[in-house]
Protein backbone atom coordinates (compact mmCIF):
# COMPACT_ATOMS: atom_id res chain seq x y z
CA UNK A 1 -2.30 -35.27 -78.56
CA UNK A 2 -2.60 -32.20 -76.36
CA UNK A 3 0.48 -30.07 -75.67
CA UNK A 4 0.69 -27.72 -72.70
CA UNK A 5 3.55 -25.21 -72.39
CA UNK A 6 4.50 -23.92 -68.96
CA UNK A 7 3.46 -20.27 -68.69
CA UNK A 8 6.79 -19.25 -67.14
CA UNK A 9 9.91 -20.41 -68.93
CA UNK A 10 12.76 -19.49 -71.21
CA UNK A 11 15.09 -16.54 -70.78
CA UNK A 12 15.05 -14.93 -67.37
CA UNK A 13 15.86 -11.24 -66.93
CA UNK A 14 19.57 -11.75 -66.30
CA UNK A 15 20.07 -14.04 -69.29
CA UNK A 16 18.04 -11.80 -71.61
CA UNK A 17 20.09 -8.81 -70.45
CA UNK A 18 23.42 -10.57 -71.03
CA UNK A 19 22.46 -11.78 -74.52
CA UNK A 20 21.13 -8.33 -75.39
CA UNK A 21 24.42 -6.70 -74.34
CA UNK A 22 26.42 -9.02 -76.59
CA UNK A 23 24.03 -8.60 -79.52
CA UNK A 24 24.34 -4.82 -79.17
CA UNK A 25 28.15 -5.06 -79.32
CA UNK A 26 27.97 -7.29 -82.39
CA UNK A 27 25.51 -4.93 -84.11
CA UNK A 28 28.04 -2.11 -83.68
CA UNK A 29 30.68 -4.14 -85.48
CA UNK A 30 32.62 -4.97 -82.33
CA UNK A 31 34.42 -8.31 -81.88
CA UNK A 32 33.72 -9.16 -78.23
CA UNK A 33 35.35 -11.98 -76.31
CA UNK A 34 33.33 -13.72 -73.60
CA UNK A 35 35.17 -15.21 -70.64
CA UNK A 36 33.55 -18.64 -70.59
CA UNK A 37 30.12 -19.40 -72.09
CA UNK A 38 27.88 -16.35 -71.72
CA UNK A 39 24.98 -18.58 -70.65
CA UNK A 40 24.51 -22.34 -70.33
CA UNK A 41 22.86 -22.95 -73.68
CA UNK A 42 24.95 -24.31 -76.58
CA UNK A 43 22.45 -23.35 -79.30
CA UNK A 44 22.47 -19.67 -78.24
CA UNK A 45 26.24 -19.63 -77.89
CA UNK A 46 26.65 -21.14 -81.38
CA UNK A 47 24.32 -18.48 -82.82
CA UNK A 48 26.36 -15.68 -81.18
CA UNK A 49 29.62 -17.23 -82.37
CA UNK A 50 28.35 -17.20 -85.94
CA UNK A 51 27.71 -13.48 -85.50
CA UNK A 52 31.26 -12.84 -84.30
CA UNK A 53 31.49 -13.65 -80.58
CA UNK A 54 34.62 -15.45 -79.37
CA UNK A 55 34.68 -17.52 -76.18
CA UNK A 56 37.88 -17.60 -74.10
CA UNK A 57 38.55 -20.31 -71.53
CA UNK A 58 40.82 -18.30 -69.20
CA UNK A 59 41.55 -14.59 -68.57
CA UNK A 60 45.02 -15.13 -70.06
CA UNK A 61 43.42 -16.17 -73.36
CA UNK A 62 41.92 -12.67 -73.68
CA UNK A 63 44.42 -10.56 -75.64
CA UNK A 64 42.25 -7.51 -76.27
CA UNK A 65 38.79 -6.23 -75.48
CA UNK A 66 36.04 -5.77 -75.20
CA UNK A 67 35.79 -8.74 -72.87
CA UNK A 68 32.30 -9.72 -71.74
CA UNK A 69 31.81 -11.01 -68.20
CA UNK A 70 29.31 -13.86 -68.34
CA UNK A 71 25.96 -13.71 -66.52
CA UNK A 72 27.37 -15.86 -63.68
CA UNK A 73 29.98 -13.25 -62.78
CA UNK A 74 33.70 -13.61 -61.99
CA UNK A 75 35.97 -13.15 -58.99
CA UNK A 76 36.98 -9.55 -58.25
CA UNK A 77 40.65 -10.27 -58.94
CA UNK A 78 39.76 -11.15 -62.54
CA UNK A 79 38.19 -7.73 -63.04
CA UNK A 80 41.24 -6.10 -61.44
CA UNK A 81 43.57 -8.00 -63.77
CA UNK A 82 41.69 -6.80 -66.85
CA UNK A 83 41.76 -3.22 -65.54
CA UNK A 84 45.52 -3.43 -64.96
CA UNK A 85 45.99 -4.68 -68.54
CA UNK A 86 43.85 -1.87 -69.92
CA UNK A 87 41.27 -4.24 -71.39
CA UNK A 88 37.75 -2.88 -71.80
CA UNK A 89 35.22 -4.84 -69.72
CA UNK A 90 31.52 -5.21 -70.50
CA UNK A 91 30.02 -6.64 -67.33
CA UNK A 92 26.99 -8.81 -68.13
CA UNK A 93 26.83 -10.27 -64.61
CA UNK A 94 23.17 -10.75 -63.66
CA UNK A 95 22.18 -7.93 -61.25
CA UNK A 96 20.72 -10.52 -58.88
CA UNK A 97 24.02 -12.42 -58.88
CA UNK A 98 25.88 -9.17 -58.21
CA UNK A 99 23.63 -8.58 -55.21
CA UNK A 100 24.65 -11.97 -53.79
CA UNK A 101 28.31 -11.08 -54.37
CA UNK A 102 27.89 -7.90 -52.32
CA UNK A 103 26.17 -9.87 -49.58
CA UNK A 104 29.04 -12.39 -49.49
CA UNK A 105 31.61 -9.59 -49.33
CA UNK A 106 29.79 -7.73 -46.54
CA UNK A 107 29.29 -10.86 -44.41
CA UNK A 108 32.96 -11.74 -44.76
CA UNK A 109 33.99 -8.20 -43.80
CA UNK A 110 31.68 -8.45 -40.77
CA UNK A 111 33.49 -11.51 -39.46
CA UNK A 112 30.83 -14.08 -40.38
CA UNK A 113 31.52 -17.63 -41.50
CA UNK A 114 29.72 -17.70 -44.85
CA UNK A 115 27.76 -20.76 -45.97
CA UNK A 116 26.70 -20.87 -49.62
CA UNK A 117 23.86 -23.20 -50.59
CA UNK A 118 24.94 -24.30 -54.05
CA UNK A 119 27.16 -26.44 -56.25
CA UNK A 120 30.86 -25.91 -55.61
CA UNK A 121 31.88 -26.21 -59.27
CA UNK A 122 29.16 -23.95 -60.67
CA UNK A 123 30.65 -20.75 -62.17
CA UNK A 124 28.38 -18.53 -60.09
CA UNK A 125 29.59 -20.17 -56.87
CA UNK A 126 33.20 -20.06 -58.04
CA UNK A 127 32.80 -16.31 -58.54
CA UNK A 128 31.16 -15.93 -55.11
CA UNK A 129 34.18 -17.56 -53.48
CA UNK A 130 36.20 -14.58 -54.65
CA UNK A 131 34.07 -12.40 -52.38
CA UNK A 132 33.99 -14.89 -49.49
CA UNK A 133 37.24 -16.88 -49.82
CA UNK A 134 36.70 -18.97 -46.68
CA UNK A 135 33.05 -19.79 -47.40
CA UNK A 136 31.70 -23.32 -47.09
CA UNK A 137 29.61 -24.59 -50.00
CA UNK A 138 26.79 -26.99 -49.14
CA UNK A 139 24.14 -28.54 -51.36
CA UNK A 140 22.45 -30.36 -48.47
CA UNK A 141 22.75 -30.38 -44.67
CA UNK A 142 24.92 -33.51 -44.86
CA UNK A 143 27.64 -31.41 -46.52
CA UNK A 144 27.94 -29.43 -43.29
CA UNK A 145 28.15 -32.30 -40.85
CA UNK A 146 31.55 -32.33 -39.17
CA UNK A 147 32.42 -28.87 -40.54
CA UNK A 148 33.62 -26.32 -38.02
CA UNK A 149 32.05 -22.90 -38.40
CA UNK A 150 32.64 -19.69 -36.48
CA UNK A 151 30.42 -18.27 -33.77
CA UNK A 152 28.75 -15.98 -36.32
CA UNK A 153 27.32 -17.57 -39.48
CA UNK A 154 25.85 -15.96 -42.58
CA UNK A 155 23.81 -18.05 -45.03
CA UNK A 156 23.29 -17.18 -48.71
CA UNK A 157 22.39 -19.20 -51.82
CA UNK A 158 23.39 -19.63 -55.44
CA UNK A 159 20.58 -17.86 -57.32
CA UNK A 160 19.54 -20.98 -59.26
CA UNK A 161 19.14 -23.18 -56.19
CA UNK A 162 15.73 -24.31 -54.96
CA UNK A 163 14.10 -22.70 -51.97
CA UNK A 164 13.70 -26.20 -50.52
CA UNK A 165 17.48 -26.71 -50.53
CA UNK A 166 17.97 -23.33 -48.89
CA UNK A 167 15.32 -24.10 -46.24
CA UNK A 168 16.85 -27.51 -45.48
CA UNK A 169 20.29 -26.02 -44.82
CA UNK A 170 18.82 -23.14 -42.81
CA UNK A 171 16.84 -25.55 -40.65
CA UNK A 172 19.98 -27.58 -39.98
CA UNK A 173 22.01 -24.51 -39.02
CA UNK A 174 19.19 -23.22 -36.81
CA UNK A 175 19.51 -26.43 -34.79
CA UNK A 176 23.15 -25.75 -34.02
CA UNK A 177 24.56 -23.34 -31.44
CA UNK A 178 25.84 -20.04 -32.78
CA UNK A 179 26.03 -16.61 -31.19
CA UNK A 180 24.45 -15.23 -34.36
CA UNK A 181 22.91 -16.75 -37.49
CA UNK A 182 21.94 -14.45 -40.37
CA UNK A 183 20.21 -15.88 -43.43
CA UNK A 184 19.49 -14.24 -46.77
CA UNK A 185 17.26 -16.06 -49.23
CA UNK A 186 19.06 -15.10 -52.46
CA UNK A 187 17.33 -17.70 -54.64
CA UNK A 188 16.18 -15.91 -57.79
CA UNK A 189 12.42 -15.35 -57.81
CA UNK A 190 12.25 -16.13 -61.54
CA UNK A 191 13.92 -19.49 -60.93
CA UNK A 192 11.47 -20.36 -58.17
CA UNK A 193 8.49 -19.32 -60.30
CA UNK A 194 9.68 -21.39 -63.27
CA UNK A 195 10.17 -24.47 -61.11
CA UNK A 196 6.72 -24.11 -59.60
CA UNK A 197 5.03 -23.69 -62.99
CA UNK A 198 6.95 -26.59 -64.54
CA UNK A 199 5.93 -28.85 -61.66
CA UNK A 200 2.28 -27.83 -62.14
CA UNK A 201 2.37 -28.87 -65.82
CA UNK A 202 4.21 -32.10 -64.97
CA UNK A 203 1.38 -33.16 -62.67
CA UNK A 204 -0.97 -32.96 -65.67
CA UNK A 205 1.30 -34.52 -68.29
CA UNK A 206 1.81 -38.13 -69.32
CA UNK A 207 5.14 -37.10 -70.87
CA UNK A 208 7.05 -34.04 -69.65
CA UNK A 209 9.82 -32.48 -71.73
CA UNK A 210 12.21 -29.97 -70.14
CA UNK A 211 14.22 -28.01 -72.69
CA UNK A 212 17.64 -26.59 -71.88
CA UNK A 213 21.39 -27.04 -71.89
CA UNK A 214 22.89 -30.05 -70.16
CA UNK A 215 25.18 -27.74 -68.17
CA UNK A 216 22.32 -25.50 -67.03
CA UNK A 217 21.89 -26.02 -63.29
CA UNK A 218 18.36 -24.63 -63.16
CA UNK A 219 17.29 -26.81 -66.13
CA UNK A 220 18.68 -29.97 -64.54
CA UNK A 221 16.90 -29.08 -61.32
CA UNK A 222 13.67 -28.45 -63.22
CA UNK A 223 13.88 -31.86 -64.90
CA UNK A 224 14.50 -33.55 -61.55
CA UNK A 225 11.53 -31.77 -59.97
CA UNK A 226 9.21 -32.65 -62.86
CA UNK A 227 10.33 -36.26 -62.66
CA UNK A 228 8.83 -36.55 -59.20
CA UNK A 229 5.34 -35.86 -60.59
CA UNK A 230 5.75 -37.32 -64.06
CA UNK A 231 7.99 -40.41 -64.28
CA UNK A 232 8.23 -39.97 -68.06
CA UNK A 233 10.26 -36.75 -67.93
CA UNK A 234 12.89 -36.02 -70.56
CA UNK A 235 15.64 -33.38 -70.45
CA UNK A 236 16.37 -32.43 -74.06
CA UNK A 237 18.71 -29.76 -75.40
CA UNK A 238 16.96 -29.32 -78.73
CA UNK A 239 14.40 -30.69 -81.16
CA UNK A 240 17.16 -32.81 -82.74
CA UNK A 241 16.88 -35.16 -79.76
CA UNK A 242 13.15 -35.72 -80.26
CA UNK A 243 12.24 -39.21 -81.44
CA UNK A 244 8.76 -40.32 -82.51
CA UNK A 245 9.10 -43.33 -80.26
CA UNK A 246 9.12 -41.02 -77.25
CA UNK A 247 5.56 -39.99 -78.09
CA UNK A 248 4.08 -43.45 -78.61
CA UNK A 249 0.72 -43.75 -76.86
CA UNK A 250 1.02 -40.30 -75.26
CA UNK A 251 -2.02 -38.02 -75.23
CA UNK A 252 -0.80 -35.24 -72.90
CA UNK A 253 2.65 -33.67 -73.38
CA UNK A 254 3.95 -30.97 -71.06
CA UNK A 255 6.80 -28.67 -72.10
CA UNK A 256 8.92 -26.40 -69.92
CA UNK A 257 12.14 -24.47 -70.54
CA UNK A 258 15.06 -23.52 -68.34
CA UNK A 259 16.02 -19.91 -67.67
CA UNK A 260 18.78 -19.97 -70.31
CA UNK A 261 16.73 -21.61 -73.08
CA UNK A 262 16.08 -19.24 -76.02
CA UNK A 263 12.65 -18.85 -77.59
CA UNK A 264 13.78 -20.29 -80.93
CA UNK A 265 14.59 -23.63 -79.26
CA UNK A 266 11.14 -23.79 -77.63
CA UNK A 267 9.35 -22.70 -80.79
CA UNK A 268 11.24 -25.23 -82.92
CA UNK A 269 10.35 -28.01 -80.51
CA UNK A 270 6.64 -27.07 -80.50
CA UNK A 271 6.60 -27.01 -84.32
CA UNK A 272 8.10 -30.50 -84.39
CA UNK A 273 5.45 -31.78 -81.98
CA UNK A 274 2.63 -30.34 -84.08
C-alpha cells in the first residue's frame, strides 16, 4: 500500500499563532480562559486543557483574566465589555480575519450593503456581523434571491470559504443592477492552497482520508472537495476512527489535513497506516 500525504496541510499561520500564544501563557504559569474553543480541533483543545487552559462558553462566564480571544475573533462589543470590567485580553484573532473585520467596518461606514460569503452560524461570521450589523450572509447565490440590497454593495468572504463560492456569488451580484459593486476576495490563501493540494492527491488516491475536527469548516469543505475526485473519501477526527476494514483492497491512500489539525494527529495517523 502506498500512502501519499498532501504537501500543504495542518496548522495554518493563524491557528499556529493562536496556539503558540496560549502555550506561551501556560508556560509562564498563567491560567488563561479562552472564550469558546480556541480552534476547531478537539484533540488540540484537550491537550491545552490538560496544561491548564479553561474554555468559557459566554463572556459572562469569564470572571477574571487573562481571557484569550479565539482565532475566529469576536464582536467589538465583547472586547469593550472586557475592557470595562478590567479583564486582561490576549487577542489571538487571526490577522487575516482581523483584516476582514476592518473591511466590513469600513464598508458599513461608507454606506454599503455588505454581503458576506459564508456560513451564518460560523463563529468568524458571527464576529463579522458585529462590524457589519446589517450584512447579509450568503453561502450560494440562491441565498440572495429575493433579498433587497442597497444601491451600493460591498462583497467580502469568510476566510475559510472556497474561491468558487465567492466567485459564484460575485457573478450573481454582477448580473444585478447597482450603482456600485465593490468586491474583496478575503478567502485565506492558505485555505485555497490546502484545498487545491488535497484535491490533487484525491485524484490519485483509491481511498482519501481528510483529518480534522468535525466542526472545522475548512476540513468539511476539504472532504467534500476530495469526494468529487475520490468517491471513497473519509473525514476522520483521529486515528481512533481508523478501521482495518476501511483499507481492504486499497493500494493507494491519500491523506490531507485541515488548517486546524495539529501535527501529532497527522503523525499518529500515518504511524497507524504503516
